[in-house]
Amino acid sequence: MTEEQAATSILRLSLQRSGRWAALVAAVGGAVSDILNPLAPFAAYLFFAAALAAVALAIALATRLLMPVKAVPALVFALATTVVSGGISYLQQQDQNQDGVLAGLVPAVAEMQKRLGLVAQDMAEVKAGVGRVETGVAEVKQEAGRIARGVEDLAAALQTLTRAGGVVADPKTAADFYHNARQFEARGDGVAARRALLAVAGFDLDAIDPWQRLAVLARVQDGRAGARELFATFEGKARSAAYRLVAASLHEDGERQKRIEALLAEAPQDGPTAYFAAQEVSEARLGTRTLTERRAERDYLGRFLAAEARGELTRRFLDGAVLGEWLEQARRRLSVAETGLASTASEPSVQYMKSGQGWMGRVQLPETATAMTWRLGEAGAPTRAGVLGFVDPQTGKPMVDPNVPIPAGKEPDAIIVSYQDLRGRELGPFRLPFDARLALQGQIRQMGEASRANWLHFEPRNGWLYYTAVVTLACGIREARIGIGVAKPNQPLTIPPCDPKAPFSLPPGMLPYFKTDASVTSASVEIIWADGTSSGIETFSR
């Protein structure tokens, strides 16, 4: 007998033995699915499941994955079920009766559906069901408020327990367990305290201090890695924001900051998360900080205190004393941060000095830099600044050369500067304007202020009064006055015009001195700088 003949024989035998019961079972299943149609289209589900099973069995037979003796009866049953359920599903679609085909043909079936509660008996029940759904939605909306009030109620209960003292013998609430944990900690019983804090964690309260206390205790007992493993056991069970925040704080430096900042991005105004973010950029954590980090600390602390002003923090702490400590530290640190930033330049500045070859710009950065790039004008080629011959103690690297040479005849309208801070973060570009006239006036004034003691000079041998030093400041002066023998200058001094090409030289034929007699014992002078401000009066004795 060939394989084809054997398969045909098995199929014929299976139809004789299994066909009847398979058809009967399929019919019963189809009838049940039709009766349950008000709940869901089970006939259609049964049709697709049986059809997929029939296809899978046929493939298994064709590829000899299953023995025909075992697979053929199952194939017969799957085909019978497919035919019956498919027919019922088709009739349901044609009849468009949501209660099923049998309910429309046999009143007893419809009555049975009502008794089983599968079909609403009247529209009043339907409307009542809709009302119950709307009520449920309203209750869900109120749930967040009840949770917040629940934490506040627990906090009040904790205060009562704290005043009473002692250990709660039969703890039941989160407040009971948390109170006991603090009592055990005070006694030095870390094992019992941990057990009580784990019980509090089981309530998954959105309160920071119980989770934080558990994290601190776990770090002491098991180390940071062990504490992370402990918190990982709550993964999927604890869903509160407090749990996620404290769990993030248990990671190592870079990963910890990244996770906390990700949580803050999800909820930018969340006070506790902002406080944790402020810790990551604090001086205590980082030591020497960049300007960006100092600004970030100020911003995060401001968000935390803003949450307190909105009344959002009390429901995030069971222990009000912990919140009080956080608020006190935040206010103190914010005051220090604001004072420090107010006295720190926010952007680079530059001082220009004229030289024989042109100009030299000395860039003053607002913070320590590890590298600097500059270019002359918007279209200039970028140049990486060199380094000086000594090490910057804050970076441990050679100090960046802040000097920018500007060749004569190639003066730009601005210097464009970028730099890298201590963390390698690129800042800029910053545009530092250049105006040759204003730059020269600034340089002259700086020189003049440094040489105030030499503005006037009495020559004791012949009585001459020299004002040579004032004349050399001509390019930075609007006018100057002198007083011979009087405390207040009352005569104009002759100041030559500014020569930008030789700004510090005396013009030919200029005689910057007066002849005074022996009765003159003092002289006074006042300079009005190019910007209109006064130098004040300087007095010189003979």
Protein backbone atom coordinates (compact mmCIF):
# COMPACT_ATOMS: atom_id res chain seq x y z
CA MET A 1 0.00 0.00 0.00
CA THR A 2 1.36 3.39 -1.00
CA GLU A 3 1.60 6.41 1.36
CA GLU A 4 -1.28 8.14 -0.45
CA GLN A 5 -3.46 5.03 -0.07
CA ALA A 6 -2.57 4.79 3.64
CA ALA A 7 -3.45 8.45 4.25
CA THR A 8 -6.78 8.04 2.44
CA SER A 9 -7.56 4.98 4.50
CA ILE A 10 -6.76 6.84 7.76
CA LEU A 11 -8.91 9.80 6.71
CA ARG A 12 -11.89 7.54 5.86
CA LEU A 13 -11.54 5.67 9.11
CA SER A 14 -11.27 8.94 11.10
CA LEU A 15 -14.42 10.29 9.48
CA GLN A 16 -16.28 7.14 10.42
CA ARG A 17 -15.06 7.16 14.01
CA SER A 18 -14.65 10.87 14.78
CA GLY A 19 -16.89 12.65 12.35
CA ARG A 20 -20.10 12.20 14.30
CA TRP A 21 -18.82 13.28 17.70
CA ALA A 22 -16.79 16.08 16.13
CA ALA A 23 -19.86 17.44 14.39
CA LEU A 24 -21.89 17.14 17.58
CA VAL A 25 -19.32 18.93 19.72
CA ALA A 26 -18.91 21.64 17.09
CA ALA A 27 -22.68 22.15 16.96
CA VAL A 28 -22.90 22.47 20.74
CA GLY A 29 -20.01 24.91 20.79
CA GLY A 30 -21.62 26.97 18.04
CA ALA A 31 -24.93 27.10 19.91
CA VAL A 32 -23.20 28.25 23.11
CA SER A 33 -21.29 30.95 21.23
CA ASP A 34 -24.58 32.14 19.68
CA ILE A 35 -26.27 32.36 23.09
CA LEU A 36 -23.30 34.37 24.46
CA ASN A 37 -23.35 36.76 21.47
CA PRO A 38 -24.70 39.71 23.56
CA LEU A 39 -21.40 39.70 25.43
CA ALA A 40 -19.09 39.34 22.41
CA PRO A 41 -19.05 37.79 18.89
CA PHE A 42 -17.80 34.41 20.14
CA ALA A 43 -18.97 32.59 16.97
CA ALA A 44 -16.62 34.73 14.88
CA TYR A 45 -13.80 34.16 17.38
CA LEU A 46 -14.41 30.40 17.27
CA PHE A 47 -14.48 30.40 13.47
CA PHE A 48 -11.09 32.12 13.14
CA ALA A 49 -9.49 29.96 15.85
CA ALA A 50 -10.76 26.71 14.27
CA ALA A 51 -9.74 27.80 10.78
CA LEU A 52 -6.18 28.62 11.94
CA ALA A 53 -5.99 25.26 13.74
CA ALA A 54 -7.14 23.42 10.60
CA VAL A 55 -4.51 25.15 8.47
CA ALA A 56 -1.77 24.40 11.02
CA LEU A 57 -2.76 20.70 11.20
CA ALA A 58 -2.87 20.41 7.41
CA ILE A 59 0.66 21.87 7.17
CA ALA A 60 1.89 19.51 9.90
CA LEU A 61 0.47 16.53 7.97
CA ALA A 62 1.96 17.68 4.68
CA THR A 63 5.41 18.17 6.21
CA ARG A 64 5.14 14.98 8.33
CA LEU A 65 5.62 16.88 11.60
CA LEU A 66 2.72 14.86 13.07
CA MET A 67 1.73 11.26 12.63
CA PRO A 68 -1.48 10.90 10.54
CA VAL A 69 -3.02 8.63 13.15
CA LYS A 70 -2.95 11.51 15.70
CA ALA A 71 -3.36 14.50 13.43
CA VAL A 72 -6.27 13.42 11.20
CA PRO A 73 -8.92 13.19 13.99
CA ALA A 74 -7.93 16.64 15.23
CA LEU A 75 -8.13 17.97 11.67
CA VAL A 76 -11.62 16.53 11.29
CA PHE A 77 -12.75 18.24 14.52
CA ALA A 78 -11.19 21.57 13.47
CA LEU A 79 -12.88 21.46 10.08
CA ALA A 80 -16.26 20.64 11.63
CA THR A 81 -15.93 23.50 14.09
CA THR A 82 -14.92 25.89 11.30
CA VAL A 83 -17.99 25.00 9.23
CA VAL A 84 -20.47 25.24 12.12
CA SER A 85 -19.11 28.45 13.69
CA GLY A 86 -18.67 30.08 10.31
CA GLY A 87 -22.26 29.37 9.41
CA ILE A 88 -23.58 30.76 12.68
CA SER A 89 -21.43 33.89 12.34
CA TYR A 90 -22.74 34.44 8.81
CA LEU A 91 -26.38 34.08 9.93
CA GLN A 92 -25.77 36.53 12.81
CA GLN A 93 -24.44 39.14 10.39
CA GLN A 94 -27.37 38.64 8.00
CA ASP A 95 -29.97 38.73 10.80
CA GLN A 96 -28.28 41.75 12.51
CA ASN A 97 -29.64 40.54 15.84
CA GLN A 98 -27.24 41.40 18.64
CA ASP A 99 -28.84 38.71 20.85
CA GLY A 100 -27.96 35.89 18.44
CA VAL A 101 -29.77 33.75 15.82
CA LEU A 102 -31.28 31.27 18.30
CA ALA A 103 -32.75 34.06 20.45
CA GLY A 104 -34.63 35.37 17.44
CA LEU A 105 -35.96 31.90 16.55
CA VAL A 106 -36.59 30.39 19.98
CA PRO A 107 -38.23 32.66 22.64
CA ALA A 108 -37.02 30.34 25.40
CA VAL A 109 -33.43 31.13 24.49
CA ALA A 110 -34.09 34.87 24.72
CA GLU A 111 -35.70 34.39 28.14
CA MET A 112 -32.72 32.38 29.31
CA GLN A 113 -30.37 35.18 28.21
CA LYS A 114 -32.34 37.67 30.30
CA ARG A 115 -32.26 35.42 33.35
CA LEU A 116 -28.54 35.01 33.00
CA GLY A 117 -28.17 38.83 32.81
CA LEU A 118 -26.73 38.73 29.31
CA VAL A 119 -29.32 41.16 27.90
CA ALA A 120 -30.58 44.37 29.55
CA GLN A 121 -34.32 44.06 30.19
CA ASP A 122 -35.18 47.63 29.39
CA MET A 123 -33.66 50.99 28.52
CA ALA A 124 -33.90 52.10 32.13
CA GLU A 125 -31.21 49.56 33.01
CA VAL A 126 -29.07 50.79 30.14
CA LYS A 127 -29.40 54.38 31.30
CA ALA A 128 -28.61 53.31 34.84
CA GLY A 129 -25.48 51.61 33.56
CA VAL A 130 -24.37 54.78 31.80
CA GLY A 131 -24.97 56.70 35.00
CA ARG A 132 -22.80 54.26 36.92
CA VAL A 133 -19.99 54.70 34.38
CA GLU A 134 -20.17 58.50 34.69
CA THR A 135 -20.13 58.19 38.46
CA GLY A 136 -17.06 55.96 38.19
CA VAL A 137 -15.25 58.53 36.06
CA ALA A 138 -15.99 61.23 38.63
CA GLU A 139 -14.67 58.97 41.37
CA VAL A 140 -11.46 58.38 39.41
CA LYS A 141 -10.97 62.15 39.06
CA GLN A 142 -11.37 62.53 42.81
CA GLU A 143 -8.93 59.72 43.58
CA ALA A 144 -5.81 61.87 43.19
CA GLY A 145 -7.22 64.34 45.68
CA ARG A 146 -8.05 61.55 48.12
CA ILE A 147 -4.51 60.16 47.83
CA ALA A 148 -3.02 63.58 48.61
CA ARG A 149 -5.38 64.02 51.57
CA GLY A 150 -4.47 60.50 52.67
CA VAL A 151 -0.79 61.43 52.99
CA GLU A 152 -1.73 64.55 54.93
CA ASP A 153 -3.94 62.47 57.25
CA LEU A 154 -1.07 60.02 57.81
CA ALA A 155 1.26 62.93 58.56
CA ALA A 156 -1.18 64.17 61.21
CA ALA A 157 -1.39 60.67 62.68
CA LEU A 158 2.41 60.46 62.73
CA GLN A 159 2.61 63.70 64.71
CA THR A 160 0.22 62.25 67.29
CA LEU A 161 2.30 59.07 67.57
CA THR A 162 5.50 61.09 67.90
CA ARG A 163 4.09 63.07 70.79
CA ALA A 164 2.94 59.83 72.47
CA GLY A 165 6.33 58.13 72.03
CA GLY A 166 7.05 54.42 72.33
CA VAL A 167 6.61 51.64 69.78
CA VAL A 168 3.17 50.80 68.39
CA ALA A 169 2.59 47.19 69.52
CA ASP A 170 0.26 46.20 66.69
CA PRO A 171 1.05 48.49 63.74
CA LYS A 172 -1.48 48.57 60.93
CA THR A 173 -1.17 51.88 59.09
CA ALA A 174 1.76 53.41 57.26
CA ALA A 175 2.00 56.01 60.03
CA ASP A 176 2.29 53.22 62.64
CA PHE A 177 5.11 51.48 60.79
CA TYR A 178 6.93 54.72 60.00
CA HIS A 179 6.74 55.82 63.63
CA ASN A 180 8.13 52.47 64.75
CA ALA A 181 10.96 52.70 62.20
CA ARG A 182 12.08 56.02 63.66
CA GLN A 183 11.86 54.61 67.18
CA PHE A 184 13.99 51.62 66.21
CA GLU A 185 16.54 53.85 64.51
CA ALA A 186 16.81 55.98 67.66
CA ARG A 187 17.53 52.78 69.63
CA GLY A 188 20.16 51.65 67.12
CA ASP A 189 18.12 48.64 65.98
CA GLY A 190 18.76 48.83 62.24
CA VAL A 191 17.23 45.44 61.48
CA ALA A 192 13.88 46.30 63.07
CA ALA A 193 13.93 49.77 61.51
CA ARG A 194 14.49 48.28 58.08
CA ARG A 195 11.66 45.80 58.57
CA ALA A 196 9.30 48.62 59.52
CA LEU A 197 10.38 50.79 56.59
CA LEU A 198 9.83 47.91 54.18
CA ALA A 199 6.31 47.65 55.56
CA VAL A 200 5.80 51.37 54.84
CA ALA A 201 7.17 50.84 51.33
CA GLY A 202 4.45 48.26 50.77
CA PHE A 203 1.87 51.05 50.94
CA ASP A 204 3.64 52.81 47.99
CA LEU A 205 2.94 56.28 49.38
CA ASP A 206 3.85 59.26 47.23
CA ALA A 207 5.80 60.65 50.19
CA ILE A 208 9.51 61.36 49.86
CA ASP A 209 10.85 60.87 53.37
CA PRO A 210 9.86 57.20 54.00
CA TRP A 211 11.48 56.11 50.74
CA GLN A 212 14.49 58.34 51.40
CA ARG A 213 14.92 56.98 54.93
CA LEU A 214 14.80 53.42 53.58
CA ALA A 215 17.39 54.29 50.91
CA VAL A 216 19.76 55.82 53.47
CA LEU A 217 19.44 52.84 55.80
CA ALA A 218 19.97 50.39 52.93
CA ARG A 219 23.09 52.27 51.77
CA VAL A 220 24.54 52.11 55.27
CA GLN A 221 23.80 48.40 55.64
CA ASP A 222 24.36 47.11 52.09
CA GLY A 223 26.18 49.84 50.18
CA ARG A 224 24.84 51.75 47.22
CA ALA A 225 24.70 48.68 44.97
CA GLY A 226 22.81 46.72 47.61
CA ALA A 227 20.36 49.56 48.08
CA ARG A 228 19.72 49.59 44.33
CA GLU A 229 19.02 45.86 44.40
CA LEU A 230 16.58 46.34 47.28
CA PHE A 231 14.69 49.07 45.44
CA ALA A 232 14.67 46.96 42.28
CA THR A 233 12.48 44.44 44.12
CA PHE A 234 9.71 47.06 44.09
CA GLU A 235 9.93 47.48 40.31
CA GLY A 236 6.47 47.09 38.81
CA LYS A 237 4.78 47.12 42.22
CA ALA A 238 5.65 50.61 43.42
CA ARG A 239 4.40 53.26 41.01
CA SER A 240 4.58 56.47 43.06
CA ALA A 241 6.66 59.42 41.90
CA ALA A 242 8.45 59.37 45.26
CA TYR A 243 9.64 55.79 44.70
CA ARG A 244 10.89 56.55 41.19
CA LEU A 245 12.77 59.64 42.38
CA VAL A 246 14.52 57.98 45.32
CA ALA A 247 15.31 54.89 43.21
CA ALA A 248 16.96 57.16 40.63
CA SER A 249 19.08 58.78 43.35
CA LEU A 250 20.71 55.43 44.17
CA HIS A 251 22.63 55.22 40.88
CA GLU A 252 26.21 56.34 40.35
CA ASP A 253 27.09 59.96 39.58
CA GLY A 254 26.55 60.35 35.84
CA GLU A 255 23.67 57.88 35.62
CA ARG A 256 22.04 59.35 38.72
CA GLN A 257 22.03 62.89 37.33
CA LYS A 258 20.73 61.69 33.95
CA ARG A 259 17.81 59.80 35.55
CA ILE A 260 16.86 62.68 37.86
CA GLU A 261 16.94 65.19 34.99
CA ALA A 262 14.75 62.82 32.93
CA LEU A 263 12.17 62.75 35.75
CA LEU A 264 12.31 66.54 35.97
CA ALA A 265 11.72 66.78 32.23
CA GLU A 266 8.53 64.74 32.73
CA ALA A 267 7.34 67.01 35.56
CA PRO A 268 9.26 70.33 35.35
CA GLN A 269 7.44 71.93 38.31
CA ASP A 270 7.69 68.98 40.70
CA GLY A 271 9.28 70.37 43.86
CA PRO A 272 11.04 67.27 45.29
CA THR A 273 12.50 66.34 41.90
CA ALA A 274 13.83 69.89 41.49
CA TYR A 275 15.43 69.66 44.94
CA PHE A 276 17.17 66.38 44.01
CA ALA A 277 18.36 68.00 40.77
CA ALA A 278 19.77 70.93 42.77
CA GLN A 279 21.75 68.45 44.87
CA GLU A 280 23.41 67.12 41.72
CA VAL A 281 24.91 70.54 40.88
CA SER A 282 25.62 71.72 44.42
CA GLU A 283 29.04 72.80 45.64
CA ALA A 284 28.98 69.99 48.20
CA ARG A 285 28.59 67.45 45.38
CA LEU A 286 30.87 68.94 42.72
CA GLY A 287 33.34 71.22 44.52
CA THR A 288 34.52 73.59 41.78
CA ARG A 289 31.54 74.30 39.53
CA THR A 290 30.92 75.85 36.16
CA LEU A 291 28.79 78.92 35.63
CA THR A 292 26.15 76.71 33.98
CA GLU A 293 25.97 74.48 37.06
CA ARG A 294 25.67 77.45 39.41
CA ARG A 295 22.81 78.84 37.35
CA ALA A 296 21.15 75.41 37.27
CA GLU A 297 21.29 75.17 41.07
CA ARG A 298 19.61 78.57 41.37
CA ASP A 299 16.90 77.51 38.92
CA TYR A 300 16.19 74.17 40.62
CA LEU A 301 16.04 75.67 44.10
CA GLY A 302 13.68 78.35 42.79
CA ARG A 303 11.35 75.66 41.42
CA PHE A 304 11.39 73.81 44.76
CA LEU A 305 10.48 76.92 46.73
CA ALA A 306 7.83 77.85 44.15
CA ALA A 307 6.20 74.47 44.78
CA GLU A 308 6.14 75.30 48.49
CA ALA A 309 4.51 78.65 47.73
CA ARG A 310 1.80 76.81 45.79
CA GLY A 311 1.18 74.55 48.80
CA GLU A 312 2.24 71.39 46.98
CA LEU A 313 4.96 70.07 49.30
CA THR A 314 3.17 69.24 52.55
CA ARG A 315 1.36 66.30 50.95
CA ARG A 316 4.69 64.88 49.74
CA PHE A 317 6.17 64.37 53.23
CA LEU A 318 4.98 62.34 56.19
CA ASP A 319 7.47 63.97 58.53
CA GLY A 320 7.05 67.75 58.49
CA ALA A 321 10.44 68.18 60.18
CA VAL A 322 12.18 66.73 57.12
CA LEU A 323 10.36 69.19 54.87
CA GLY A 324 11.32 72.01 57.22
CA GLU A 325 15.02 71.10 56.92
CA TRP A 326 14.81 70.98 53.15
CA LEU A 327 13.13 74.39 53.00
CA GLU A 328 15.69 75.97 55.32
CA GLN A 329 18.60 74.62 53.30
CA ALA A 330 16.98 75.62 50.00
CA ARG A 331 16.42 79.22 51.11
CA ARG A 332 19.98 79.55 52.41
CA ARG A 333 21.53 78.02 49.30
CA LEU A 334 19.38 80.10 46.97
CA SER A 335 20.45 83.30 48.73
CA VAL A 336 24.12 82.33 48.39
CA ALA A 337 23.65 81.36 44.73
CA GLU A 338 21.90 84.61 43.81
CA THR A 339 24.52 86.73 45.59
CA GLY A 340 27.36 84.90 43.89
CA LEU A 341 25.84 85.11 40.43
CA ALA A 342 25.01 88.80 40.86
CA SER A 343 28.71 89.54 41.38
CA THR A 344 29.82 87.33 38.47
CA ALA A 345 29.96 88.43 34.87
CA SER A 346 27.52 86.47 32.75
CA GLU A 347 29.48 86.74 29.50
CA PRO A 348 33.08 87.36 28.37
CA SER A 349 34.40 90.90 28.09
CA VAL A 350 37.52 92.34 26.46
CA GLN A 351 40.05 95.08 27.05
CA TYR A 352 41.75 96.52 23.98
CA MET A 353 45.29 97.95 24.02
CA LYS A 354 46.97 99.78 21.17
CA SER A 355 50.45 98.73 20.20
CA GLY A 356 52.89 99.59 17.44
CA GLN A 357 51.70 96.64 15.32
CA GLY A 358 48.00 97.31 15.77
CA TRP A 359 45.84 96.26 18.68
CA MET A 360 45.77 93.53 21.29
CA GLY A 361 42.48 92.33 22.80
CA ARG A 362 42.69 90.67 26.19
CA VAL A 363 39.60 88.51 26.70
CA GLN A 364 38.26 88.16 30.23
CA LEU A 365 36.15 84.98 30.56
CA PRO A 366 33.48 84.75 33.29
CA GLU A 367 34.87 81.40 34.47
CA THR A 368 37.81 79.05 34.16
CA ALA A 369 38.08 77.59 30.67
CA THR A 370 39.87 74.57 29.25
CA ALA A 371 39.93 75.94 25.69
CA MET A 372 39.02 79.08 23.75
CA THR A 373 38.40 79.85 20.08
CA TRP A 374 38.28 83.33 18.54
CA ARG A 375 37.92 84.94 15.15
CA LEU A 376 38.16 88.52 13.85
CA GLY A 377 34.73 89.54 12.59
CA GLU A 378 31.79 87.40 11.54
CA ALA A 379 33.56 86.03 8.48
CA GLY A 380 36.99 85.59 10.03
CA ALA A 381 38.74 82.23 10.19
CA PRO A 382 38.43 80.56 13.61
CA THR A 383 41.63 80.37 15.62
CA ARG A 384 42.16 78.13 18.63
CA ALA A 385 43.80 80.11 21.44
CA GLY A 386 47.21 78.96 22.58
CA VAL A 387 48.31 78.34 26.17
CA LEU A 388 50.51 80.23 28.59
CA GLY A 389 53.60 78.86 30.26
CA PHE A 390 52.02 77.93 33.59
CA VAL A 391 49.36 75.54 34.86
CA ASP A 392 45.84 76.62 35.86
CA PRO A 393 45.36 75.23 39.42
CA GLN A 394 41.63 74.67 38.83
CA THR A 395 42.03 72.56 35.70
CA GLY A 396 45.51 71.09 36.14
CA LYS A 397 46.17 72.09 32.51
CA PRO A 398 48.15 74.95 30.94
CA MET A 399 46.22 78.21 31.25
CA VAL A 400 44.49 79.42 28.10
CA ASP A 401 46.13 82.45 26.45
CA PRO A 402 43.48 85.21 26.55
CA ASN A 403 45.23 87.55 24.09
CA VAL A 404 43.82 88.19 20.62
CA PRO A 405 46.15 90.09 18.23
CA ILE A 406 44.50 92.53 15.80
CA PRO A 407 46.89 93.59 12.99
CA ALA A 408 46.95 97.26 11.95
CA GLY A 409 44.66 97.88 9.00
CA LYS A 410 42.62 94.73 9.67
CA GLU A 411 40.52 95.98 12.54
CA PRO A 412 37.18 94.10 12.68
CA ASP A 413 33.89 95.41 14.03
CA ALA A 414 33.91 92.64 16.65
CA ILE A 415 35.79 89.66 18.05
CA ILE A 416 33.75 86.42 18.14
CA VAL A 417 34.69 84.21 21.11
CA SER A 418 33.66 80.69 22.22
CA TYR A 419 35.07 78.64 25.08
CA GLN A 420 34.80 75.30 26.86
CA ASP A 421 34.11 75.19 30.59
CA LEU A 422 35.48 72.74 33.17
CA ARG A 423 33.09 69.98 32.02
CA GLY A 424 34.02 70.46 28.37
CA ARG A 425 30.70 72.16 27.63
CA GLU A 426 30.89 74.57 24.66
CA LEU A 427 29.62 78.09 25.38
CA GLY A 428 29.18 80.85 22.86
CA PRO A 429 29.71 82.29 20.43
CA PHE A 430 29.89 85.69 22.13
CA ARG A 431 30.22 88.89 20.11
CA LEU A 432 32.62 91.42 21.64
CA PRO A 433 32.34 94.74 19.72
CA PHE A 434 35.46 96.61 18.63
CA ASP A 435 35.50 100.38 18.04
CA ALA A 436 39.02 101.82 17.66
CA ARG A 437 38.08 105.27 18.98
CA LEU A 438 36.26 103.95 22.05
CA ALA A 439 38.96 101.34 22.64
CA LEU A 440 41.66 104.03 22.64
CA GLN A 441 39.65 106.22 25.00
CA GLY A 442 39.23 103.29 27.37
CA GLN A 443 42.91 102.46 27.31
CA ILE A 444 43.87 106.12 27.89
CA ARG A 445 41.54 106.43 30.86
CA GLN A 446 42.91 103.25 32.40
CA MET A 447 46.45 104.61 32.04
CA GLY A 448 45.41 108.00 33.43
CA GLU A 449 43.76 106.51 36.51
CA ALA A 450 46.91 104.51 37.20
CA SER A 451 49.12 107.62 36.94
CA ARG A 452 47.05 110.10 39.00
CA ALA A 453 50.03 110.85 41.30
CA ASN A 454 52.02 112.24 38.31
CA TRP A 455 49.44 114.53 36.67
CA LEU A 456 51.18 117.67 38.01
CA HIS A 457 54.77 118.17 39.05
CA PHE A 458 56.53 121.19 40.68
CA GLU A 459 60.17 121.69 39.68
CA PRO A 460 61.75 122.95 42.93
CA ARG A 461 64.80 124.57 41.32
CA ASN A 462 63.13 126.97 38.90
CA GLY A 463 59.46 126.97 39.99
CA TRP A 464 58.09 125.44 36.80
CA LEU A 465 54.74 123.52 37.14
CA TYR A 466 54.61 120.64 34.62
CA TYR A 467 51.41 118.93 33.38
CA THR A 468 53.10 116.64 30.81
CA ALA A 469 51.29 113.54 32.09
CA VAL A 470 47.90 115.18 31.43
CA VAL A 471 48.85 116.06 27.85
CA THR A 472 49.77 112.45 27.05
CA LEU A 473 46.16 111.54 27.89
CA ALA A 474 44.76 113.82 25.15
CA CYS A 475 43.03 111.00 23.22
CA GLY A 476 40.95 110.12 26.29
CA ILE A 477 40.12 113.63 27.54
CA ARG A 478 37.28 115.98 26.70
CA GLU A 479 38.76 118.87 28.75
CA ALA A 480 40.98 119.60 31.77
CA ARG A 481 41.12 122.44 34.34
CA ILE A 482 43.87 123.63 36.67
CA GLY A 483 43.93 125.79 39.78
CA ILE A 484 47.19 127.60 40.68
CA GLY A 485 47.34 128.07 44.43
CA VAL A 486 43.60 127.34 44.84
CA ALA A 487 41.78 124.19 45.92
CA LYS A 488 39.27 124.20 43.03
CA PRO A 489 40.55 124.24 39.42
CA ASN A 490 39.46 127.47 37.73
CA GLN A 491 41.51 127.71 34.50
CA PRO A 492 41.35 125.58 31.34
CA LEU A 493 44.43 123.60 30.40
CA THR A 494 45.55 123.62 26.79
CA ILE A 495 45.14 120.04 25.50
CA PRO A 496 46.35 119.26 21.95
CA PRO A 497 44.09 117.37 19.47
CA CYS A 498 44.20 113.57 19.55
CA ASP A 499 46.53 111.92 17.04
CA PRO A 500 45.39 108.26 16.81
CA LYS A 501 48.61 107.29 15.03
CA ALA A 502 50.76 108.60 17.91
CA PRO A 503 48.34 108.90 20.83
CA PHE A 504 50.95 109.04 23.61
CA SER A 505 53.39 111.54 22.05
CA LEU A 506 53.68 115.28 22.64
CA PRO A 507 53.01 117.32 19.50
CA PRO A 508 55.98 119.36 18.20
CA GLY A 509 56.40 122.75 19.92
CA MET A 510 54.12 121.83 22.82
CA LEU A 511 55.35 123.28 26.16
CA PRO A 512 53.30 121.64 28.92
CA TYR A 513 54.36 123.78 31.92
CA PHE A 514 53.75 127.06 33.79
CA LYS A 515 56.12 129.46 35.50
CA THR A 516 55.07 130.03 39.13
CA ASP A 517 56.50 132.37 41.78
CA ALA A 518 57.66 131.33 45.20
CA SER A 519 54.32 132.23 46.85
CA VAL A 520 52.50 129.36 45.10
CA THR A 521 52.61 126.34 47.35
CA SER A 522 50.00 124.08 45.71
CA ALA A 523 48.00 123.37 42.54
CA SER A 524 44.84 121.42 41.75
CA VAL A 525 43.64 119.65 38.59
CA GLU A 526 40.45 118.01 37.32
CA ILE A 527 40.01 115.90 34.15
CA ILE A 528 36.75 115.39 32.28
CA TRP A 529 37.10 112.10 30.46
CA ALA A 530 35.85 111.51 26.93
CA ASP A 531 32.61 109.94 28.19
CA GLY A 532 31.82 113.09 30.23
CA THR A 533 32.63 111.73 33.69
CA SER A 534 34.92 113.62 36.06
CA SER A 535 38.13 112.30 37.52
CA GLY A 536 37.59 114.29 40.70
CA ILE A 537 40.04 116.90 41.96
CA GLU A 538 43.66 116.01 42.62
CA THR A 539 45.82 118.45 44.70
CA PHE A 540 49.62 118.63 44.51
CA SER A 541 51.99 120.44 46.91
CA ARG A 542 55.17 122.23 45.99
